[in-house]
C-alpha atoms as a PDB file:
ATOM      1  CA  MET A   1     -57.080 201.365-154.690  1.00  0.00           C
ATOM      2  CA  VAL A   2     -53.525 200.007-155.069  1.00  0.00           C
ATOM      3  CA  ALA A   3     -52.129 203.090-153.366  1.00  0.00           C
ATOM      4  CA  GLY A   4     -54.508 202.587-150.473  1.00  0.00           C
ATOM      5  CA  VAL A   5     -53.461 198.980-150.019  1.00  0.00           C
ATOM      6  CA  LEU A   6     -49.771 199.919-150.159  1.00  0.00           C
ATOM      7  CA  ALA A   7     -50.358 202.636-147.585  1.00  0.00           C
ATOM      8  CA  ALA A   8     -52.055 200.120-145.336  1.00  0.00           C
ATOM      9  CA  VAL A   9     -49.121 197.733-145.675  1.00  0.00           C
ATOM     10  CA  VAL A  10     -46.672 200.502-144.815  1.00  0.00           C
ATOM     11  CA  ALA A  11     -48.784 201.414-141.794  1.00  0.00           C
ATOM     12  CA  VAL A  12     -48.805 197.825-140.582  1.00  0.00           C
ATOM     13  CA  VAL A  13     -45.053 197.445-141.022  1.00  0.00           C
ATOM     14  CA  SER A  14     -44.357 200.773-139.322  1.00  0.00           C
ATOM     15  CA  ALA A  15     -46.676 200.285-136.363  1.00  0.00           C
ATOM     16  CA  THR A  16     -44.077 199.698-133.644  1.00  0.00           C
ATOM     17  CA  PRO A  17     -43.810 201.257-130.186  1.00  0.00           C
ATOM     18  CA  ALA A  18     -41.738 204.414-129.901  1.00  0.00           C
ATOM     19  CA  GLY A  19     -38.057 203.635-129.541  1.00  0.00           C
ATOM     20  CA  ALA A  20     -38.520 199.942-130.295  1.00  0.00           C
ATOM     21  CA  VAL A  21     -36.427 198.147-132.874  1.00  0.00           C
ATOM     22  CA  GLU A  22     -38.194 195.151-134.360  1.00  0.00           C
ATOM     23  CA  PRO A  23     -37.511 192.844-137.313  1.00  0.00           C
ATOM     24  CA  LEU A  24     -39.217 193.664-140.590  1.00  0.00           C
ATOM     25  CA  PHE A  25     -42.771 192.364-140.587  1.00  0.00           C
ATOM     26  CA  ILE A  26     -45.383 192.514-143.335  1.00  0.00           C
ATOM     27  CA  GLY A  27     -48.751 192.240-141.618  1.00  0.00           C
ATOM     28  CA  TRP A  28     -50.682 191.274-144.729  1.00  0.00           C
ATOM     29  CA  THR A  29     -53.229 189.166-142.864  1.00  0.00           C
ATOM     30  CA  SER A  30     -54.738 192.260-141.262  1.00  0.00           C
ATOM     31  CA  LEU A  31     -55.789 193.378-144.753  1.00  0.00           C
ATOM     32  CA  LEU A  32     -57.922 190.259-145.228  1.00  0.00           C
ATOM     33  CA  PRO A  33     -61.451 190.759-143.865  1.00  0.00           C
ATOM     34  CA  PRO A  34     -63.024 188.077-141.682  1.00  0.00           C
ATOM     35  CA  LEU A  35     -66.012 186.133-142.958  1.00  0.00           C
ATOM     36  CA  PRO A  36     -69.348 186.716-141.225  1.00  0.00           C
ATOM     37  CA  THR A  37     -69.926 184.302-138.359  1.00  0.00           C
ATOM     38  CA  ALA A  38     -72.622 184.177-135.709  1.00  0.00           C
ATOM     39  CA  TYR A  39     -71.881 185.029-132.092  1.00  0.00           C
ATOM     40  CA  ALA A  40     -71.345 182.012-129.854  1.00  0.00           C
ATOM     41  CA  PRO A  41     -70.402 182.192-126.164  1.00  0.00           C
ATOM     42  CA  ALA A  42     -66.959 180.894-125.326  1.00  0.00           C
ATOM     43  CA  ASP A  43     -66.701 177.289-124.231  1.00  0.00           C
ATOM     44  CA  ALA A  44     -63.653 177.335-121.968  1.00  0.00           C
ATOM     45  CA  GLU A  45     -62.772 175.378-118.861  1.00  0.00           C
ATOM     46  CA  GLU A  46     -59.489 177.247-118.461  1.00  0.00           C
ATOM     47  CA  CYS A  47     -59.344 180.908-117.476  1.00  0.00           C
ATOM     48  CA  ALA A  48     -62.986 181.626-118.355  1.00  0.00           C
ATOM     49  CA  ALA A  49     -62.810 185.105-116.799  1.00  0.00           C
ATOM     50  CA  GLY A  50     -59.608 186.028-118.657  1.00  0.00           C
ATOM     51  CA  ASP A  51     -57.647 187.026-115.571  1.00  0.00           C
ATOM     52  CA  PRO A  52     -53.975 187.912-116.237  1.00  0.00           C
ATOM     53  CA  ALA A  53     -53.032 185.560-113.404  1.00  0.00           C
ATOM     54  CA  CYS A  54     -53.948 182.702-115.760  1.00  0.00           C
ATOM     55  CA  VAL A  55     -51.049 183.660-118.014  1.00  0.00           C
ATOM     56  CA  ASP A  56     -48.686 183.716-115.048  1.00  0.00           C
ATOM     57  CA  ALA A  57     -49.853 180.238-114.025  1.00  0.00           C
ATOM     58  CA  THR A  58     -49.358 178.987-117.579  1.00  0.00           C
ATOM     59  CA  ILE A  59     -45.811 180.350-117.643  1.00  0.00           C
ATOM     60  CA  VAL A  60     -44.996 178.632-114.352  1.00  0.00           C
ATOM     61  CA  GLN A  61     -46.227 175.325-115.724  1.00  0.00           C
ATOM     62  CA  MET A  62     -44.308 175.810-118.979  1.00  0.00           C
ATOM     63  CA  GLN A  63     -41.121 176.615-117.071  1.00  0.00           C
ATOM     64  CA  THR A  64     -41.462 173.489-114.951  1.00  0.00           C
ATOM     65  CA  ARG A  65     -42.050 171.321-117.992  1.00  0.00           C
ATOM     66  CA  TYR A  66     -39.148 172.848-119.894  1.00  0.00           C
ATOM     67  CA  ASP A  67     -36.790 172.408-116.918  1.00  0.00           C
ATOM     68  CA  ASP A  68     -37.659 168.713-116.770  1.00  0.00           C
ATOM     69  CA  LEU A  69     -37.100 168.250-120.505  1.00  0.00           C
ATOM     70  CA  VAL A  70     -33.872 170.200-120.821  1.00  0.00           C
ATOM     71  CA  ALA A  71     -32.338 168.408-117.831  1.00  0.00           C
ATOM     72  CA  SER A  72     -32.131 165.256-119.983  1.00  0.00           C
ATOM     73  CA  CYS A  73     -31.653 167.119-123.284  1.00  0.00           C
ATOM     74  CA  ASP A  74     -34.990 165.697-124.427  1.00  0.00           C
ATOM     75  CA  HIS A  75     -35.565 166.815-128.017  1.00  0.00           C
ATOM     76  CA  ASN A  76     -39.056 167.976-127.027  1.00  0.00           C
ATOM     77  CA  ALA A  77     -37.256 170.752-125.153  1.00  0.00           C
ATOM     78  CA  VAL A  78     -36.896 172.745-128.400  1.00  0.00           C
ATOM     79  CA  PHE A  79     -40.616 173.361-128.745  1.00  0.00           C
ATOM     80  CA  ALA A  80     -41.078 173.668-124.977  1.00  0.00           C
ATOM     81  CA  LEU A  81     -38.520 176.495-124.837  1.00  0.00           C
ATOM     82  CA  THR A  82     -40.071 178.181-127.855  1.00  0.00           C
ATOM     83  CA  TYR A  83     -43.550 178.075-126.356  1.00  0.00           C
ATOM     84  CA  LEU A  84     -42.290 179.310-122.976  1.00  0.00           C
ATOM     85  CA  ARG A  85     -40.521 182.337-124.459  1.00  0.00           C
ATOM     86  CA  THR A  86     -43.499 183.108-126.684  1.00  0.00           C
ATOM     87  CA  THR A  87     -45.879 183.083-123.726  1.00  0.00           C
ATOM     88  CA  GLU A  88     -43.532 185.271-121.690  1.00  0.00           C
ATOM     89  CA  GLU A  89     -43.531 187.767-124.557  1.00  0.00           C
ATOM     90  CA  TYR A  90     -47.315 187.590-124.679  1.00  0.00           C
ATOM     91  CA  ARG A  91     -47.450 188.472-120.975  1.00  0.00           C
ATOM     92  CA  ARG A  92     -45.347 191.545-121.688  1.00  0.00           C
ATOM     93  CA  VAL A  93     -47.330 192.836-124.663  1.00  0.00           C
ATOM     94  CA  ALA A  94     -50.618 192.110-122.912  1.00  0.00           C
ATOM     95  CA  ALA A  95     -49.628 194.794-120.409  1.00  0.00           C
ATOM     96  CA  GLU A  96     -49.172 197.378-123.188  1.00  0.00           C
ATOM     97  CA  PRO A  97     -52.250 199.639-123.236  1.00  0.00           C
ATOM     98  CA  GLY A  98     -54.154 199.266-126.503  1.00  0.00           C
ATOM     99  CA  PHE A  99     -52.107 196.392-127.938  1.00  0.00           C
ATOM    100  CA  PHE A 100     -55.177 194.124-127.830  1.00  0.00           C
ATOM    101  CA  ASP A 101     -58.834 195.138-128.086  1.00  0.00           C
ATOM    102  CA  ASP A 102     -60.109 192.485-125.662  1.00  0.00           C
ATOM    103  CA  ILE A 103     -57.318 191.362-123.372  1.00  0.00           C
ATOM    104  CA  SER A 104     -59.570 189.123-121.269  1.00  0.00           C
ATOM    105  CA  TYR A 105     -60.543 187.105-124.327  1.00  0.00           C
ATOM    106  CA  VAL A 106     -56.935 186.736-125.456  1.00  0.00           C
ATOM    107  CA  ASN A 107     -55.897 185.672-121.949  1.00  0.00           C
ATOM    108  CA  THR A 108     -58.533 182.943-122.110  1.00  0.00           C
ATOM    109  CA  GLU A 109     -57.309 181.903-125.536  1.00  0.00           C
ATOM    110  CA  ASP A 110     -53.749 181.748-124.241  1.00  0.00           C
ATOM    111  CA  ALA A 111     -54.743 179.403-121.402  1.00  0.00           C
ATOM    112  CA  VAL A 112     -56.980 177.168-123.515  1.00  0.00           C
ATOM    113  CA  PHE A 113     -54.386 176.962-126.278  1.00  0.00           C
ATOM    114  CA  ALA A 114     -51.660 175.917-123.836  1.00  0.00           C
ATOM    115  CA  ALA A 115     -53.977 173.314-122.303  1.00  0.00           C
ATOM    116  CA  TYR A 116     -54.244 171.580-125.679  1.00  0.00           C
ATOM    117  CA  TYR A 117     -50.462 171.199-125.778  1.00  0.00           C
ATOM    118  CA  PHE A 118     -50.208 170.071-122.161  1.00  0.00           C
ATOM    119  CA  HIS A 119     -52.948 167.492-122.637  1.00  0.00           C
ATOM    120  CA  ALA A 120     -51.437 166.119-125.848  1.00  0.00           C
ATOM    121  CA  TYR A 121     -47.995 165.727-124.289  1.00  0.00           C
ATOM    122  CA  ASP A 122     -49.264 164.237-121.026  1.00  0.00           C
ATOM    123  CA  THR A 123     -51.436 161.747-122.910  1.00  0.00           C
ATOM    124  CA  TRP A 124     -48.504 160.718-125.101  1.00  0.00           C
ATOM    125  CA  GLN A 125     -46.178 160.512-122.112  1.00  0.00           C
ATOM    126  CA  ALA A 126     -48.681 158.217-120.387  1.00  0.00           C
ATOM    127  CA  GLY A 127     -48.374 155.795-123.301  1.00  0.00           C
ATOM    128  CA  GLN A 128     -51.873 156.467-124.645  1.00  0.00           C
ATOM    129  CA  SER A 129     -50.695 157.210-128.167  1.00  0.00           C
ATOM    130  CA  THR A 130     -54.000 156.271-129.800  1.00  0.00           C
ATOM    131  CA  ALA A 131     -55.616 159.167-127.935  1.00  0.00           C
ATOM    132  CA  VAL A 132     -53.029 161.689-129.129  1.00  0.00           C
ATOM    133  CA  PRO A 133     -53.768 163.770-132.257  1.00  0.00           C
ATOM    134  CA  ARG A 134     -51.734 162.350-135.116  1.00  0.00           C
ATOM    135  CA  ALA A 135     -49.744 165.541-135.786  1.00  0.00           C
ATOM    136  CA  TRP A 136     -48.682 165.649-132.134  1.00  0.00           C
ATOM    137  CA  GLU A 137     -47.894 161.930-132.056  1.00  0.00           C
ATOM    138  CA  ILE A 138     -45.532 162.374-135.007  1.00  0.00           C
ATOM    139  CA  ALA A 139     -43.862 165.348-133.317  1.00  0.00           C
ATOM    140  CA  PHE A 140     -43.401 163.631-129.950  1.00  0.00           C
ATOM    141  CA  ASP A 141     -42.248 160.334-131.482  1.00  0.00           C
ATOM    142  CA  ALA A 142     -39.724 162.131-133.683  1.00  0.00           C
ATOM    143  CA  ALA A 143     -38.282 163.848-130.608  1.00  0.00           C
ATOM    144  CA  LYS A 144     -38.114 160.542-128.742  1.00  0.00           C
ATOM    145  CA  GLN A 145     -36.205 158.892-131.589  1.00  0.00           C
ATOM    146  CA  ARG A 146     -33.625 161.735-131.582  1.00  0.00           C
ATOM    147  CA  ARG A 147     -33.157 161.575-135.338  1.00  0.00           C
ATOM    148  CA  LEU A 148     -34.122 165.128-136.363  1.00  0.00           C
ATOM    149  CA  ALA A 149     -32.356 168.436-136.543  1.00  0.00           C
ATOM    150  CA  GLY A 150     -33.595 170.860-133.906  1.00  0.00           C
ATOM    151  CA  ALA A 151     -35.422 172.982-136.470  1.00  0.00           C
ATOM    152  CA  GLY A 152     -37.462 169.903-137.337  1.00  0.00           C
ATOM    153  CA  ASN A 153     -38.605 169.457-133.741  1.00  0.00           C
ATOM    154  CA  LEU A 154     -39.529 173.125-133.633  1.00  0.00           C
ATOM    155  CA  LEU A 155     -41.559 173.066-136.850  1.00  0.00           C
ATOM    156  CA  LEU A 156     -43.281 169.795-135.973  1.00  0.00           C
ATOM    157  CA  GLY A 157     -44.490 171.324-132.720  1.00  0.00           C
ATOM    158  CA  MET A 158     -45.556 174.530-134.433  1.00  0.00           C
ATOM    159  CA  ASN A 159     -47.448 172.583-137.073  1.00  0.00           C
ATOM    160  CA  ALA A 160     -49.368 170.462-134.577  1.00  0.00           C
ATOM    161  CA  HIS A 161     -50.200 173.397-132.349  1.00  0.00           C
ATOM    162  CA  VAL A 162     -51.094 175.964-135.008  1.00  0.00           C
ATOM    163  CA  ASN A 163     -52.464 173.906-137.893  1.00  0.00           C
ATOM    164  CA  ARG A 164     -54.236 171.331-135.752  1.00  0.00           C
ATOM    165  CA  ASP A 165     -55.002 172.867-132.327  1.00  0.00           C
ATOM    166  CA  LEU A 166     -55.532 176.544-133.082  1.00  0.00           C
ATOM    167  CA  PRO A 167     -58.618 176.333-135.338  1.00  0.00           C
ATOM    168  CA  LEU A 168     -60.319 174.116-132.746  1.00  0.00           C
ATOM    169  CA  VAL A 169     -59.448 176.555-129.964  1.00  0.00           C
ATOM    170  CA  LEU A 170     -60.670 179.575-131.914  1.00  0.00           C
ATOM    171  CA  ALA A 171     -63.935 177.878-132.836  1.00  0.00           C
ATOM    172  CA  SER A 172     -64.533 176.872-129.219  1.00  0.00           C
ATOM    173  CA  LEU A 173     -64.107 180.465-128.034  1.00  0.00           C
ATOM    174  CA  GLY A 174     -66.009 182.180-130.848  1.00  0.00           C
ATOM    175  CA  LEU A 175     -64.784 184.528-133.544  1.00  0.00           C
ATOM    176  CA  VAL A 176     -66.948 187.556-132.761  1.00  0.00           C
ATOM    177  CA  ALA A 177     -67.726 189.438-129.567  1.00  0.00           C
ATOM    178  CA  ALA A 178     -71.241 189.775-128.197  1.00  0.00           C
ATOM    179  CA  ASP A 179     -71.598 193.133-129.968  1.00  0.00           C
ATOM    180  CA  GLY A 180     -70.730 191.537-133.319  1.00  0.00           C
ATOM    181  CA  ARG A 181     -67.168 192.837-133.607  1.00  0.00           C
ATOM    182  CA  SER A 182     -64.735 190.379-135.152  1.00  0.00           C
ATOM    183  CA  ARG A 183     -61.902 189.132-132.992  1.00  0.00           C
ATOM    184  CA  LYS A 184     -59.584 188.867-135.978  1.00  0.00           C
ATOM    185  CA  PRO A 185     -57.721 192.126-135.217  1.00  0.00           C
ATOM    186  CA  ASP A 186     -56.541 190.606-131.937  1.00  0.00           C
ATOM    187  CA  HIS A 187     -55.688 187.374-133.761  1.00  0.00           C
ATOM    188  CA  ASP A 188     -53.530 189.361-136.193  1.00  0.00           C
ATOM    189  CA  GLN A 189     -51.888 191.267-133.332  1.00  0.00           C
ATOM    190  CA  ILE A 190     -50.467 187.969-132.116  1.00  0.00           C
ATOM    191  CA  ASN A 191     -48.445 187.929-135.347  1.00  0.00           C
ATOM    192  CA  VAL A 192     -46.951 191.298-134.423  1.00  0.00           C
ATOM    193  CA  MET A 193     -46.021 189.886-131.028  1.00  0.00           C
ATOM    194  CA  LEU A 194     -44.503 186.752-132.528  1.00  0.00           C
ATOM    195  CA  ASN A 195     -42.352 188.847-134.841  1.00  0.00           C
ATOM    196  CA  ARG A 196     -40.712 190.355-131.772  1.00  0.00           C
ATOM    197  CA  VAL A 197     -39.732 187.048-130.237  1.00  0.00           C
ATOM    198  CA  VAL A 198     -38.998 184.566-133.066  1.00  0.00           C
ATOM    199  CA  ASP A 199     -35.457 185.740-133.800  1.00  0.00           C
ATOM    200  CA  PRO A 200     -34.167 185.889-130.184  1.00  0.00           C
ATOM    201  CA  LEU A 201     -35.801 182.627-129.159  1.00  0.00           C
ATOM    202  CA  LEU A 202     -34.238 180.815-132.118  1.00  0.00           C
ATOM    203  CA  HIS A 203     -30.833 182.173-131.144  1.00  0.00           C
ATOM    204  CA  GLU A 204     -31.424 180.997-127.574  1.00  0.00           C
ATOM    205  CA  ALA A 205     -32.517 177.533-128.710  1.00  0.00           C
ATOM    206  CA  ALA A 206     -29.413 177.283-130.898  1.00  0.00           C
ATOM    207  CA  ASP A 207     -27.170 178.404-128.056  1.00  0.00           C
ATOM    208  CA  ARG A 208     -28.657 175.995-125.529  1.00  0.00           C
ATOM    209  CA  LEU A 209     -29.993 172.971-127.440  1.00  0.00           C
ATOM    210  CA  ASP A 210     -28.836 172.569-131.039  1.00  0.00           C
ATOM    211  CA  PRO A 211     -26.512 174.947-132.927  1.00  0.00           C
ATOM    212  CA  SER A 212     -28.044 173.929-136.261  1.00  0.00           C
ATOM    213  CA  ILE A 213     -31.247 175.774-135.338  1.00  0.00           C
ATOM    214  CA  ASP A 214     -29.362 178.997-135.914  1.00  0.00           C
ATOM    215  CA  ASN A 215     -28.279 177.884-139.387  1.00  0.00           C
ATOM    216  CA  ILE A 216     -31.377 176.133-140.717  1.00  0.00           C
ATOM    217  CA  ALA A 217     -34.248 178.496-140.096  1.00  0.00           C
ATOM    218  CA  THR A 218     -36.350 176.729-142.733  1.00  0.00           C
ATOM    219  CA  PRO A 219     -35.955 173.621-144.887  1.00  0.00           C
ATOM    220  CA  LEU A 220     -34.380 175.799-147.593  1.00  0.00           C
ATOM    221  CA  GLY A 221     -32.069 177.697-145.272  1.00  0.00           C
ATOM    222  CA  LEU A 222     -34.066 180.914-145.627  1.00  0.00           C
ATOM    223  CA  SER A 223     -34.117 183.849-143.250  1.00  0.00           C
ATOM    224  CA  TYR A 224     -35.970 184.209-139.965  1.00  0.00           C
ATOM    225  CA  THR A 225     -38.335 186.560-141.778  1.00  0.00           C
ATOM    226  CA  ALA A 226     -39.283 183.691-144.094  1.00  0.00           C
ATOM    227  CA  LEU A 227     -39.794 181.395-141.113  1.00  0.00           C
ATOM    228  CA  MET A 228     -42.013 184.017-139.523  1.00  0.00           C
ATOM    229  CA  GLN A 229     -44.082 184.209-142.689  1.00  0.00           C
ATOM    230  CA  ILE A 230     -44.606 180.438-142.618  1.00  0.00           C
ATOM    231  CA  LEU A 231     -46.050 180.880-139.148  1.00  0.00           C
ATOM    232  CA  VAL A 232     -48.218 183.786-140.305  1.00  0.00           C
ATOM    233  CA  VAL A 233     -49.617 181.693-143.173  1.00  0.00           C
ATOM    234  CA  TRP A 234     -50.380 178.847-140.791  1.00  0.00           C
ATOM    235  CA  ARG A 235     -52.130 181.182-138.368  1.00  0.00           C
ATOM    236  CA  GLU A 236     -54.209 182.717-141.139  1.00  0.00           C
ATOM    237  CA  SER A 237     -55.186 179.229-142.281  1.00  0.00           C
ATOM    238  CA  ALA A 238     -56.151 178.374-138.693  1.00  0.00           C
ATOM    239  CA  TRP A 239     -58.479 181.374-138.571  1.00  0.00           C
ATOM    240  CA  ARG A 240     -60.112 180.395-141.868  1.00  0.00           C
ATOM    241  CA  ASN A 241     -60.561 176.813-140.700  1.00  0.00           C
ATOM    242  CA  ALA A 242     -62.167 178.136-137.521  1.00  0.00           C
ATOM    243  CA  GLU A 243     -64.578 180.113-139.706  1.00  0.00           C
ATOM    244  CA  ARG A 244     -65.409 176.928-141.582  1.00  0.00           C
ATOM    245  CA  LEU A 245     -66.125 175.180-138.299  1.00  0.00           C
ATOM    246  CA  MET A 246     -68.307 178.021-137.025  1.00  0.00           C
ATOM    247  CA  ASN A 247     -70.258 178.192-140.280  1.00  0.00           C
ATOM    248  CA  ALA A 248     -70.712 174.442-140.739  1.00  0.00           C
ATOM    249  CA  PRO A 249     -74.434 173.859-141.369  1.00  0.00           C
ATOM    250  CA  THR A 250     -74.649 170.511-139.553  1.00  0.00           C
ATOM    251  CA  VAL A 251     -72.859 168.466-136.909  1.00  0.00           C
ATOM    252  CA  GLU A 252     -71.811 166.039-139.628  1.00  0.00           C
ATOM    253  CA  ALA A 253     -70.354 168.831-141.755  1.00  0.00           C
ATOM    254  CA  ARG A 254     -68.411 170.143-138.779  1.00  0.00           C
ATOM    255  CA  ALA A 255     -67.029 166.663-138.080  1.00  0.00           C
ATOM    256  CA  ARG A 256     -65.826 166.410-141.681  1.00  0.00           C
ATOM    257  CA  ILE A 257     -63.998 169.715-141.348  1.00  0.00           C
ATOM    258  CA  VAL A 258     -62.345 168.563-138.130  1.00  0.00           C
ATOM    259  CA  ASN A 259     -61.175 165.422-139.916  1.00  0.00           C
ATOM    260  CA  GLU A 260     -59.779 167.539-142.746  1.00  0.00           C
ATOM    261  CA  ILE A 261     -57.882 169.703-140.253  1.00  0.00           C
ATOM    262  CA  GLU A 262     -56.460 166.624-138.530  1.00  0.00           C
ATOM    263  CA  ALA A 263     -55.440 165.019-141.834  1.00  0.00           C
ATOM    264  CA  ALA A 264     -53.798 168.160-143.212  1.00  0.00           C
ATOM    265  CA  ALA A 265     -51.762 168.703-140.041  1.00  0.00           C
ATOM    266  CA  ALA A 266     -50.675 165.058-140.038  1.00  0.00           C
ATOM    267  CA  THR A 267     -49.621 165.259-143.692  1.00  0.00           C
ATOM    268  CA  THR A 268     -47.565 168.381-142.994  1.00  0.00           C
ATOM    269  CA  ALA A 269     -45.980 166.604-140.032  1.00  0.00           C
ATOM    270  CA  VAL A 270     -44.918 163.674-142.197  1.00  0.00           C
ATOM    271  CA  THR A 271     -43.391 166.072-144.726  1.00  0.00           C
ATOM    272  CA  LEU A 272     -41.473 167.989-142.056  1.00  0.00           C
ATOM    273  CA  ARG A 273     -40.232 164.774-140.457  1.00  0.00           C
ATOM    274  CA  THR A 274     -38.872 163.672-143.824  1.00  0.00           C
ATOM    275  CA  LEU A 275     -37.203 167.017-144.513  1.00  0.00           C
ATOM    276  CA  TYR A 276     -35.428 167.192-141.172  1.00  0.00           C
ATOM    277  CA  THR A 277     -34.511 163.542-140.567  1.00  0.00           C
ATOM    278  CA  ARG A 278     -30.838 162.635-140.752  1.00  0.00           C
ATOM    279  CA  PRO A 279     -31.124 158.949-141.676  1.00  0.00           C
ATOM    280  CA  GLY A 280     -28.232 156.839-140.484  1.00  0.00           C
ATOM    281  CA  LEU A 281     -26.186 159.817-139.285  1.00  0.00           C
ATOM    282  CA  LEU A 282     -26.190 158.937-135.617  1.00  0.00           C
ATOM    283  CA  PRO A 283     -22.944 160.771-134.827  1.00  0.00           C
ATOM    284  CA  LEU A 284     -24.670 164.040-135.705  1.00  0.00           C
ATOM    285  CA  GLY A 285     -27.536 163.151-133.424  1.00  0.00           C
ATOM    286  CA  GLN A 286     -25.063 162.320-130.689  1.00  0.00           C
ATOM    287  CA  ASP A 287     -23.250 165.594-131.304  1.00  0.00           C
ATOM    288  CA  ARG A 288     -26.493 167.459-130.749  1.00  0.00           C
ATOM    289  CA  ASP A 289     -27.060 165.674-127.442  1.00  0.00           C
ATOM    290  CA  GLU A 290     -23.467 166.166-126.348  1.00  0.00           C
ATOM    291  CA  TYR A 291     -23.701 169.848-127.238  1.00  0.00           C
ATOM    292  CA  CYS A 292     -26.849 170.239-125.161  1.00  0.00           C
ATOM    293  CA  ALA A 293     -25.305 168.421-122.213  1.00  0.00           C
ATOM    294  CA  SER A 294     -22.199 170.597-122.380  1.00  0.00           C
ATOM    295  CA  ARG A 295     -24.340 173.743-122.289  1.00  0.00           C
ATOM    296  CA  GLY A 296     -26.189 172.556-119.207  1.00  0.00           C
END
């Protein structure tokens, strides 16, 4: 039994395209079976047919938004750049035959997921903060105050999008196909994709926006592999919360789970804001802005 599990881990780590060199990745989440959930048709206003052109349109919108943010060295640019590069990488791997089982579904997920971020930011930008999910409000406000290290802005955005948005997106699209097959293998493949892009995008963000991003990968100064595993844990938790939502016996029970998801993401946001705030050290904050401006 143990030997079989170890063999599976080795297979997951070794499963890279021929000639490719990728960072070490332990795909342990693919060894965890999904819970049974009933089939439910996807509820998506964005990219319902799963056309690849949807991903291209999303990238164009992300590029436009990032260009606007980076022009003023807005601290929200850190997450915007990260999300843009991640989606560009998704577009590349989506074209690899066999990388995903159901590419149309994942294209829809990509568009719906991005729409959650766009809507949260646009609502906050319009001054309607009470309508913004709390985890996002904390992230956007922290960026506006310009008091965090760049890694803090990155992790606050990741937390709001993965811990808060992702389980709601997954539940809205359904966790099994019409034939009963679980969509978790494709969910886990996203982790493989992310492992390809996390290291280079962090280097780019450090080079363009805040050099400390390259030095403080996590609150404890751990490696990029450790940062990647934080993201993997969050994504696995998002899947399990989506299962809870799908299996909720009543509307009231589902609402309670949504509230729990919102509260947990907000609590994590408060913790991250505390870890990455530089209280009273305005010169460092100014140095970050001056650095960004000089790189423009």
